[in-house]
Protein backbone atom coordinates (compact mmCIF):
# COMPACT_ATOMS: atom_id res chain seq x y z
CA MET A 1 25.40 -10.19 -4.70
CA SER A 2 28.25 -9.14 -2.44
CA GLN A 3 29.19 -10.88 0.75
CA ASN A 4 28.31 -7.69 2.63
CA VAL A 5 24.69 -7.81 1.47
CA ARG A 6 24.46 -11.53 2.31
CA GLU A 7 25.67 -10.78 5.82
CA VAL A 8 23.14 -7.97 6.22
CA LEU A 9 20.29 -10.17 5.01
CA ALA A 10 21.38 -12.94 7.36
CA SER A 11 21.24 -10.52 10.27
CA VAL A 12 17.72 -9.30 9.43
CA LYS A 13 16.12 -12.56 8.29
CA SER A 14 14.15 -12.73 11.54
CA LEU A 15 12.67 -9.29 10.82
CA LEU A 16 11.77 -10.32 7.28
CA GLY A 17 10.17 -13.47 8.69
CA GLY A 18 8.15 -11.41 11.15
CA THR A 19 7.08 -9.08 8.34
CA ALA A 20 5.95 -12.02 6.21
CA ALA A 21 3.91 -13.48 9.09
CA PHE A 22 1.95 -10.37 9.99
CA MET A 23 1.41 -9.33 6.36
CA ILE A 24 0.10 -12.80 5.38
CA GLY A 25 -2.31 -12.65 8.31
CA ASN A 26 -3.36 -9.07 7.58
CA SER A 27 -3.84 -9.80 3.87
CA LEU A 28 -5.97 -12.85 4.63
CA LEU A 29 -8.09 -10.74 6.96
CA GLY A 30 -8.56 -8.10 4.25
CA VAL A 31 -10.15 -10.73 1.99
CA VAL A 32 -12.22 -12.57 4.59
CA LEU A 33 -13.97 -9.48 5.94
CA PRO A 34 -15.69 -8.33 2.71
CA LEU A 35 -16.56 -11.95 1.92
CA ARG A 36 -18.26 -12.35 5.30
CA MET A 37 -20.13 -9.08 4.87
CA GLU A 38 -21.24 -10.02 1.35
CA ALA A 39 -22.44 -13.43 2.60
CA ALA A 40 -24.36 -11.72 5.42
CA GLY A 41 -26.13 -9.45 2.95
CA TYR A 42 -24.55 -6.20 4.08
CA PRO A 43 -25.20 -3.30 1.68
CA VAL A 44 -22.14 -2.65 -0.45
CA ALA A 45 -21.99 0.94 0.85
CA LEU A 46 -21.68 -0.35 4.42
CA THR A 47 -18.98 -2.80 3.38
CA GLY A 48 -17.08 0.03 1.73
CA ALA A 49 -17.29 2.19 4.86
CA ILE A 50 -16.00 -0.60 7.12
CA MET A 51 -13.14 -1.46 4.79
CA ALA A 52 -12.24 2.22 4.35
CA ALA A 53 -11.82 2.56 8.12
CA TYR A 54 -8.54 0.60 7.83
CA TYR A 55 -6.95 3.46 5.91
CA PHE A 56 -8.21 5.98 8.43
CA GLY A 57 -6.42 3.95 11.09
CA LEU A 58 -3.35 3.79 8.87
CA ALA A 59 -3.29 7.59 8.69
CA LEU A 60 -3.60 7.86 12.48
CA GLY A 61 -0.81 5.33 12.88
CA GLY A 62 1.43 7.27 10.53
CA LEU A 63 0.93 10.34 12.72
CA ARG A 64 0.92 8.79 16.21
CA ALA A 65 2.56 5.35 16.25
CA LYS A 66 6.10 6.75 16.50
CA ARG A 67 5.24 8.37 19.81
CA ILE A 68 4.37 4.97 21.25
CA ILE A 69 7.59 3.48 19.86
CA PHE A 70 9.70 6.29 21.33
CA ARG A 71 7.98 5.95 24.71
CA ILE A 72 8.26 2.19 25.30
CA GLY A 73 10.91 1.02 22.85
CA HIS A 74 10.77 -0.96 19.62
CA ILE A 75 10.47 -4.52 20.93
CA ARG A 76 7.69 -3.74 23.37
CA ALA A 77 5.92 -1.50 20.83
CA PHE A 78 6.02 -4.27 18.24
CA ALA A 79 4.61 -6.69 20.82
CA VAL A 80 1.78 -4.28 21.68
CA PHE A 81 0.85 -3.68 18.03
CA ALA A 82 1.00 -7.37 17.10
CA ALA A 83 -0.94 -8.55 20.16
CA LEU A 84 -3.65 -5.93 19.66
CA THR A 85 -3.96 -6.81 15.96
CA ALA A 86 -4.22 -10.53 16.76
CA ALA A 87 -6.84 -9.87 19.45
CA THR A 88 -9.02 -7.71 17.19
CA THR A 89 -8.70 -10.31 14.42
CA LEU A 90 -10.27 -12.90 16.71
CA ALA A 91 -12.86 -10.38 17.89
CA TYR A 92 -14.35 -10.01 14.38
CA ASP A 93 -15.98 -13.42 14.64
CA ALA A 94 -17.15 -12.90 18.21
CA PHE A 95 -18.67 -9.47 17.54
CA PHE A 96 -20.27 -9.65 14.10
CA ASP A 97 -21.59 -6.10 14.22
CA PRO A 98 -20.94 -3.21 11.77
CA ALA A 99 -20.10 -0.67 14.50
CA ALA A 100 -17.66 -3.05 16.18
CA TRP A 101 -16.05 -3.99 12.87
CA LEU A 102 -15.60 -0.32 11.99
CA ILE A 103 -13.66 0.21 15.22
CA PHE A 104 -11.64 -2.97 14.71
CA ARG A 105 -10.60 -1.85 11.22
CA ILE A 106 -9.35 1.49 12.57
CA VAL A 107 -7.36 -0.34 15.23
CA ASN A 108 -5.95 -2.73 12.60
CA GLY A 109 -4.80 0.12 10.38
CA PHE A 110 -3.16 1.93 13.29
CA CYS A 111 -1.33 -1.19 14.42
CA ILE A 112 -0.12 -2.14 10.93
CA ALA A 113 1.36 1.36 10.61
CA GLY A 114 3.15 0.81 13.91
CA LEU A 115 4.37 -2.67 12.96
CA THR A 116 5.80 -1.54 9.64
CA ALA A 117 7.43 1.57 11.14
CA THR A 118 9.11 -0.58 13.80
CA THR A 119 10.35 -3.21 11.34
CA GLU A 120 11.58 -0.74 8.74
CA SER A 121 13.58 1.30 11.22
CA TRP A 122 15.28 -1.90 12.40
CA LEU A 123 16.12 -2.91 8.84
CA ASN A 124 17.47 0.57 8.20
CA THR A 125 19.76 0.35 11.23
CA ARG A 126 21.21 -2.94 9.98
CA SER A 127 21.91 -1.58 6.49
CA SER A 128 24.68 0.67 5.22
CA ASN A 129 24.15 3.36 2.60
CA GLU A 130 25.54 0.94 0.01
CA THR A 131 23.23 -1.96 0.88
CA ARG A 132 20.06 -0.17 1.97
CA GLY A 133 18.51 -0.13 -1.49
CA ARG A 134 18.99 -3.87 -1.94
CA VAL A 135 17.67 -4.62 1.54
CA LEU A 136 14.61 -2.53 0.60
CA GLY A 137 14.28 -4.71 -2.51
CA PHE A 138 14.17 -7.89 -0.42
CA TYR A 139 11.72 -6.25 1.98
CA MET A 140 9.49 -5.29 -0.93
CA LEU A 141 9.67 -8.82 -2.33
CA THR A 142 8.69 -10.23 1.07
CA PHE A 143 5.88 -7.68 1.35
CA TYR A 144 4.27 -8.38 -2.02
CA LEU A 145 4.62 -12.18 -1.86
CA ALA A 146 3.15 -12.18 1.65
CA ILE A 147 0.11 -10.21 0.47
CA ALA A 148 -0.46 -12.58 -2.45
CA ALA A 149 -0.01 -15.63 -0.20
CA GLY A 150 -2.43 -14.29 2.39
CA GLN A 151 -5.14 -13.74 -0.21
CA SER A 152 -4.70 -17.30 -1.49
CA LEU A 153 -5.19 -18.79 1.99
CA VAL A 154 -8.87 -17.87 1.86
CA ASN A 155 -9.41 -21.11 -0.07
CA ILE A 156 -8.39 -23.46 2.74
CA ALA A 157 -11.52 -23.09 4.90
CA ASP A 158 -15.15 -22.03 4.81
CA VAL A 159 -15.47 -18.24 4.88
CA GLY A 160 -18.44 -18.48 7.22
CA ALA A 161 -16.50 -20.44 9.85
CA PRO A 162 -14.12 -18.89 12.41
CA ASP A 163 -11.14 -20.88 11.08
CA LEU A 164 -9.78 -18.17 8.80
CA PHE A 165 -9.93 -15.56 11.56
CA MET A 166 -8.06 -17.94 13.84
CA LEU A 167 -5.43 -18.58 11.16
CA ALA A 168 -4.95 -14.86 10.49
CA ALA A 169 -4.64 -14.13 14.23
CA SER A 170 -2.15 -16.98 14.64
CA LEU A 171 0.06 -15.70 11.83
CA ILE A 172 0.02 -12.18 13.24
CA GLY A 173 0.83 -13.56 16.68
CA LEU A 174 3.70 -15.65 15.31
CA SER A 175 5.36 -12.48 14.01
CA LEU A 176 6.15 -11.71 17.66
CA ILE A 177 8.54 -14.64 18.01
CA PRO A 178 11.42 -13.56 15.75
CA VAL A 179 11.21 -9.95 16.92
CA ALA A 180 11.00 -10.80 20.63
CA MET A 181 14.01 -13.12 20.30
CA THR A 182 16.15 -10.71 18.27
CA SER A 183 19.50 -9.60 19.61
CA LEU A 184 19.53 -6.48 17.44
CA GLY A 185 19.90 -3.17 19.21
CA GLU A 186 17.14 -0.60 19.42
CA PRO A 187 17.11 1.53 16.25
CA ASN A 188 16.52 5.27 16.06
CA LEU A 189 13.56 6.59 14.05
CA GLY A 190 15.20 9.97 13.86
CA ASP A 191 13.80 13.46 13.46
CA SER A 192 12.93 15.38 10.32
CA ARG A 193 12.24 18.97 9.28
CA PRO A 194 8.55 19.99 9.40
CA LEU A 195 6.72 20.46 6.11
CA SER A 196 3.11 21.54 5.60
CA VAL A 197 0.81 20.12 2.94
CA SER A 198 0.55 23.58 1.34
CA ASN A 199 4.34 23.78 1.03
CA LEU A 200 4.38 20.25 -0.33
CA TYR A 201 1.81 21.20 -2.96
CA SER A 202 3.78 24.32 -3.88
CA ALA A 203 6.86 22.17 -4.44
CA SER A 204 5.08 19.48 -6.47
CA PRO A 205 1.37 19.72 -7.31
CA VAL A 206 1.64 16.56 -9.42
CA GLY A 207 3.13 14.49 -6.58
CA THR A 208 0.80 15.79 -3.89
CA VAL A 209 -2.44 15.41 -5.84
CA GLY A 210 -1.21 12.10 -7.21
CA ALA A 211 -0.77 10.65 -3.73
CA GLY A 212 -4.45 11.28 -3.08
CA VAL A 213 -5.42 9.80 -6.45
CA ALA A 214 -3.31 6.71 -5.76
CA GLY A 215 -5.13 6.33 -2.46
CA LEU A 216 -8.51 6.63 -4.17
CA MET A 217 -7.67 3.88 -6.64
CA VAL A 218 -5.78 1.49 -4.36
CA GLY A 219 -8.10 1.91 -1.37
CA SER A 220 -11.16 1.27 -3.54
CA PHE A 221 -9.62 -1.79 -5.13
CA TYR A 222 -8.42 -3.57 -2.00
CA ALA A 223 -11.59 -2.71 -0.10
CA LEU A 224 -14.13 -3.74 -2.72
CA ALA A 225 -12.53 -5.89 -5.43
CA VAL A 226 -13.62 -9.10 -3.70
CA VAL A 227 -17.21 -7.84 -3.45
CA PHE A 228 -17.10 -6.83 -7.10
CA ALA A 229 -15.73 -10.26 -8.08
CA LEU A 230 -18.56 -12.05 -6.30
CA GLN A 231 -21.18 -9.75 -7.83
CA ILE A 232 -20.03 -10.61 -11.36
CA GLY A 233 -20.32 -14.33 -10.60
CA LEU A 234 -16.78 -15.39 -9.65
CA SER A 235 -16.26 -18.01 -6.97
CA VAL A 236 -14.32 -17.28 -3.79
CA SER A 237 -11.24 -19.07 -5.14
CA GLN A 238 -11.43 -17.13 -8.42
CA ALA A 239 -11.84 -13.85 -6.57
CA ALA A 240 -8.77 -14.60 -4.43
CA LEU A 241 -6.76 -15.54 -7.54
CA PHE A 242 -7.79 -12.32 -9.28
CA MET A 243 -6.63 -10.28 -6.28
CA SER A 244 -3.31 -12.16 -6.08
CA VAL A 245 -2.59 -11.68 -9.78
CA VAL A 246 -3.12 -7.92 -9.42
CA VAL A 247 -0.65 -7.87 -6.50
CA LEU A 248 1.95 -9.89 -8.42
CA GLY A 249 1.47 -7.62 -11.44
CA GLY A 250 2.38 -4.71 -9.19
CA LEU A 251 5.54 -6.51 -8.12
CA VAL A 252 6.68 -7.60 -11.59
CA LEU A 253 6.19 -4.27 -13.37
CA GLN A 254 7.83 -2.03 -10.75
CA VAL A 255 11.31 -2.49 -12.28
CA PRO A 256 10.49 -1.57 -15.90
CA VAL A 257 8.40 1.39 -14.74
CA GLY A 258 11.32 2.53 -12.58
CA MET A 259 13.72 2.32 -15.52
CA LEU A 260 11.42 4.52 -17.61
CA ALA A 261 10.89 6.97 -14.73
CA ASP A 262 14.65 7.46 -14.27
CA ARG A 263 15.20 8.02 -17.99
CA TYR A 264 12.26 10.19 -19.05
CA ASP A 265 10.06 12.89 -17.55
CA ARG A 266 8.36 11.21 -14.60
CA ARG A 267 5.15 13.05 -15.33
CA ILE A 268 4.95 11.52 -18.80
CA VAL A 269 5.60 8.07 -17.33
CA MET A 270 2.96 8.71 -14.66
CA SER A 271 0.38 9.85 -17.19
CA GLY A 272 1.14 6.70 -19.21
CA ALA A 273 0.57 4.55 -16.12
CA LEU A 274 -2.69 6.35 -15.40
CA ILE A 275 -3.93 5.94 -18.96
CA ALA A 276 -2.99 2.25 -18.68
CA VAL A 277 -5.11 2.00 -15.51
CA GLY A 278 -8.04 3.64 -17.30
CA ALA A 279 -7.62 1.48 -20.41
CA THR A 280 -7.36 -1.80 -18.49
CA TRP A 281 -10.35 -0.91 -16.33
CA ALA A 282 -12.39 -0.07 -19.44
CA THR A 283 -11.29 -3.37 -21.00
CA LEU A 284 -12.18 -5.23 -17.82
CA ALA A 285 -15.62 -3.63 -17.91
CA GLY A 286 -16.01 -4.91 -21.47
CA ILE A 287 -14.87 -8.38 -20.40
CA VAL A 288 -17.48 -8.46 -17.67
CA ALA A 289 -20.23 -7.20 -19.97
CA SER A 290 -19.28 -9.70 -22.69
CA GLU A 291 -18.92 -12.59 -20.21
CA LEU A 292 -15.53 -13.55 -21.64
CA PRO A 293 -13.51 -16.37 -19.97
CA PHE A 294 -11.98 -15.90 -16.55
CA VAL A 295 -8.49 -16.17 -18.03
CA ALA A 296 -9.14 -12.92 -19.93
CA LEU A 297 -9.84 -11.20 -16.61
CA LEU A 298 -6.56 -12.52 -15.21
CA ALA A 299 -4.64 -11.42 -18.30
CA MET A 300 -5.80 -7.83 -17.81
CA ALA A 301 -5.17 -7.98 -14.06
CA VAL A 302 -1.37 -8.07 -14.58
CA PRO A 303 -0.96 -4.74 -16.42
CA PHE A 304 -3.64 -3.16 -14.25
CA GLY A 305 -1.81 -4.17 -11.06
CA GLY A 306 1.50 -2.92 -12.42
CA ALA A 307 0.11 0.42 -13.54
CA MET A 308 -1.91 1.03 -10.36
CA SER A 309 0.99 0.10 -8.06
CA SER A 310 3.35 2.47 -9.90
CA VAL A 311 1.37 5.65 -9.30
CA TYR A 312 2.28 6.19 -5.62
CA PRO A 313 6.06 5.60 -5.92
CA LEU A 314 6.09 7.83 -9.02
CA CYS A 315 4.41 10.56 -6.96
CA VAL A 316 7.03 10.18 -4.21
CA ALA A 317 9.87 10.37 -6.74
CA GLN A 318 8.32 13.40 -8.46
CA THR A 319 7.91 15.18 -5.11
CA PHE A 320 11.46 14.41 -3.97
CA ASP A 321 12.80 15.89 -7.21
CA HIS A 322 11.59 19.31 -6.06
CA LEU A 323 12.59 19.27 -2.39
CA LYS A 324 15.75 19.51 -0.36
CA ARG A 325 16.82 16.13 0.93
CA LYS A 326 16.40 17.19 4.56
CA TYR A 327 12.63 17.44 3.90
CA TYR A 328 12.23 13.95 2.40
CA ILE A 329 11.07 12.11 5.50
CA ALA A 330 8.64 14.90 6.44
CA ALA A 331 7.36 14.95 2.84
CA ALA A 332 6.87 11.19 2.91
CA GLY A 333 4.76 11.51 6.04
CA ARG A 334 2.59 14.18 4.44
CA LEU A 335 2.22 12.16 1.25
CA LEU A 336 1.13 9.19 3.36
CA MET A 337 -1.49 11.38 5.02
CA VAL A 338 -2.80 12.57 1.63
CA TYR A 339 -2.75 8.97 0.36
CA SER A 340 -4.68 7.77 3.41
CA VAL A 341 -7.34 10.46 2.97
CA GLY A 342 -7.80 9.28 -0.61
CA ALA A 343 -7.81 5.62 0.42
CA THR A 344 -10.46 6.33 3.06
CA THR A 345 -12.63 8.32 0.66
CA GLY A 346 -12.30 6.01 -2.36
CA PRO A 347 -14.17 2.98 -0.99
CA LEU A 348 -16.98 5.22 0.26
CA ILE A 349 -17.53 6.72 -3.20
CA ALA A 350 -17.01 3.45 -5.10
CA SER A 351 -19.36 1.48 -2.85
CA ALA A 352 -22.07 4.13 -3.20
CA LEU A 353 -21.76 3.96 -6.98
CA MET A 354 -21.88 0.15 -6.94
CA ALA A 355 -25.02 0.27 -4.81
CA LEU A 356 -26.70 2.62 -7.28
CA TYR A 357 -25.42 1.44 -10.65
CA GLY A 358 -24.12 -2.10 -10.16
CA PRO A 359 -20.64 -3.67 -10.25
CA SER A 360 -19.62 -2.18 -13.61
CA SER A 361 -19.53 1.27 -12.01
CA PHE A 362 -16.57 0.02 -9.94
CA PHE A 363 -14.50 -0.17 -13.14
CA LEU A 364 -15.79 3.13 -14.45
CA PHE A 365 -15.01 4.97 -11.21
CA GLU A 366 -11.39 3.78 -11.21
CA ALA A 367 -11.00 4.54 -14.92
CA MET A 368 -12.48 8.04 -14.58
CA ILE A 369 -10.20 8.96 -11.66
CA ALA A 370 -7.13 7.71 -13.52
CA VAL A 371 -7.91 9.49 -16.79
CA LEU A 372 -8.84 12.80 -15.14
CA TYR A 373 -5.61 12.82 -13.18
CA ALA A 374 -3.65 11.91 -16.35
CA VAL A 375 -5.10 15.04 -17.98
CA PHE A 376 -4.04 17.11 -14.94
CA VAL A 377 -0.50 15.71 -15.17
CA LEU A 378 -0.25 16.45 -18.90
CA VAL A 379 -1.43 20.03 -18.29
CA ARG A 380 1.36 20.42 -15.73
CA VAL A 381 3.86 19.05 -18.26
CA SER A 382 2.83 21.79 -20.69
CA GLN A 383 3.21 24.46 -18.00
CA ARG A 384 6.55 23.49 -16.44
CA PRO A 385 9.66 21.99 -18.06
CA SER A 386 11.00 18.70 -16.75
CA LEU A 387 14.14 18.43 -14.65
CA PRO A 388 17.32 17.15 -16.30
CA ALA A 389 17.89 13.45 -15.62
CA ASP A 390 21.01 14.18 -13.54
CA ARG A 391 18.94 16.26 -11.11
CA GLN A 392 16.24 13.63 -10.57
CA GLU A 393 16.22 11.30 -7.59
CA LYS A 394 16.12 7.61 -8.43
CA TYR A 395 12.77 5.87 -8.59
CA VAL A 396 12.36 3.50 -5.64
CA PRO A 397 9.57 0.87 -5.56
CA LEU A 398 7.20 1.29 -2.62
CA PRO A 399 4.25 -0.85 -1.51
CA ASP A 400 0.88 0.64 -2.33
CA VAL A 401 -1.14 -1.34 0.22
CA THR A 402 0.75 0.09 3.21
CA PRO A 403 3.01 2.79 1.73
CA ILE A 404 5.09 3.62 4.81
CA VAL A 405 8.55 2.43 3.75
CA MET A 406 10.70 5.53 4.30
CA ALA A 407 13.27 4.49 6.89
CA LEU A 408 14.71 2.11 4.29
CA ASP A 409 14.47 4.47 1.32
CA PRO A 410 18.06 5.12 0.14
CA ARG A 411 17.01 8.60 -1.01
CA THR A 412 16.59 9.74 2.61
CA GLU A 413 20.23 9.31 3.59
CA PRO A 414 22.00 12.53 4.65
CA ASP A 415 23.41 14.65 1.85
CA SER A 416 25.10 17.98 2.30
CA GLN A 417 24.44 19.11 -1.26
CA ASP A 418 20.74 19.83 -1.12
CA GLU A 419 18.83 21.32 -4.02
CA ASP A 420 16.40 24.17 -3.52
CA GLN A 421 12.69 23.57 -3.87
CA GLN A 422 11.42 24.00 -7.42
CA GLU A 423 7.87 24.00 -8.60
CA GLY A 424 6.92 20.94 -10.69
């Protein structure tokens, strides 16, 4: 690694530390809530609705949080978002009521969108065009490891006690310290060209529909996987380990998927990832039905996590291939909106199926969505030729839990040689 990159990382280590703190706390909260609701005997459909509200808030934050940042500045906006998230995290234990929790989840999603937008724009300001991709890599590494670490912390205290809420709130609150003490200047979020969803679909049906499908799968998994794990007889510690292995699988397999996506038709790679999601889910359903050892469940969690986490960044790359560069940031915002709609809808459908047909329907729902979309992608491949490799944008890993990273995306840097939109 060059000295230049080391210097950049040294200058943003406080921001990476703040990111790690609030993502560990937020990830821990995302595991504790469904566990508390399951212990309280909440219907799985109600649990799904409450957990889905987070993604609704995320969509609102993607649309509105920038206005708050522009109005009061980055440091104060970060402080507002972090303080509000910490306060609502403590309020879950004090107000154990479905209506209150639904509101709190919307607020949490909105604030996490604001926190990530603030941090990413800062990191972008501190990076040059040459180092931005590598800084994004370190940010992604911090992001995924923080999520896995937060899920593992559920084992240190009784789920029924307030301790885990207090720990999550403390971690989120601690993220304020490095940001409040930073000497970095205020970054600029910048403007982008407007782009409607209909225009986005015209440019890339595969990318636009795929963003919604990715939301359906990811939102359902992170909202209900813990409930599913408990319903099939896993302990809390086993459920947390299963979740963490899926997250780490998503981290490990991003690089090989990216190499394939940059070399071959992205749509073929995407359909392969989707078929892998369907196949692993079907295998997992067989493992559950056959009551095979827990280690078999973990073994399948790695490829499942990698395949599921690859769908959204593949959709972004596929969409960017068919747009002018000046539309990238606007397109990313629209894709996030489509993703969030899917992520809000997915847990509602999956939880209703689980309530009617039992935990195995959770696997079958995910597998069905993945396979149906794979068929759609393959139909598109037969209808439209692929772009030459030299006209494709590079694949860039993006988080699928909170897919907002666009300020850091090296593909969004200015470029005077834009390509016209092409249908794909």
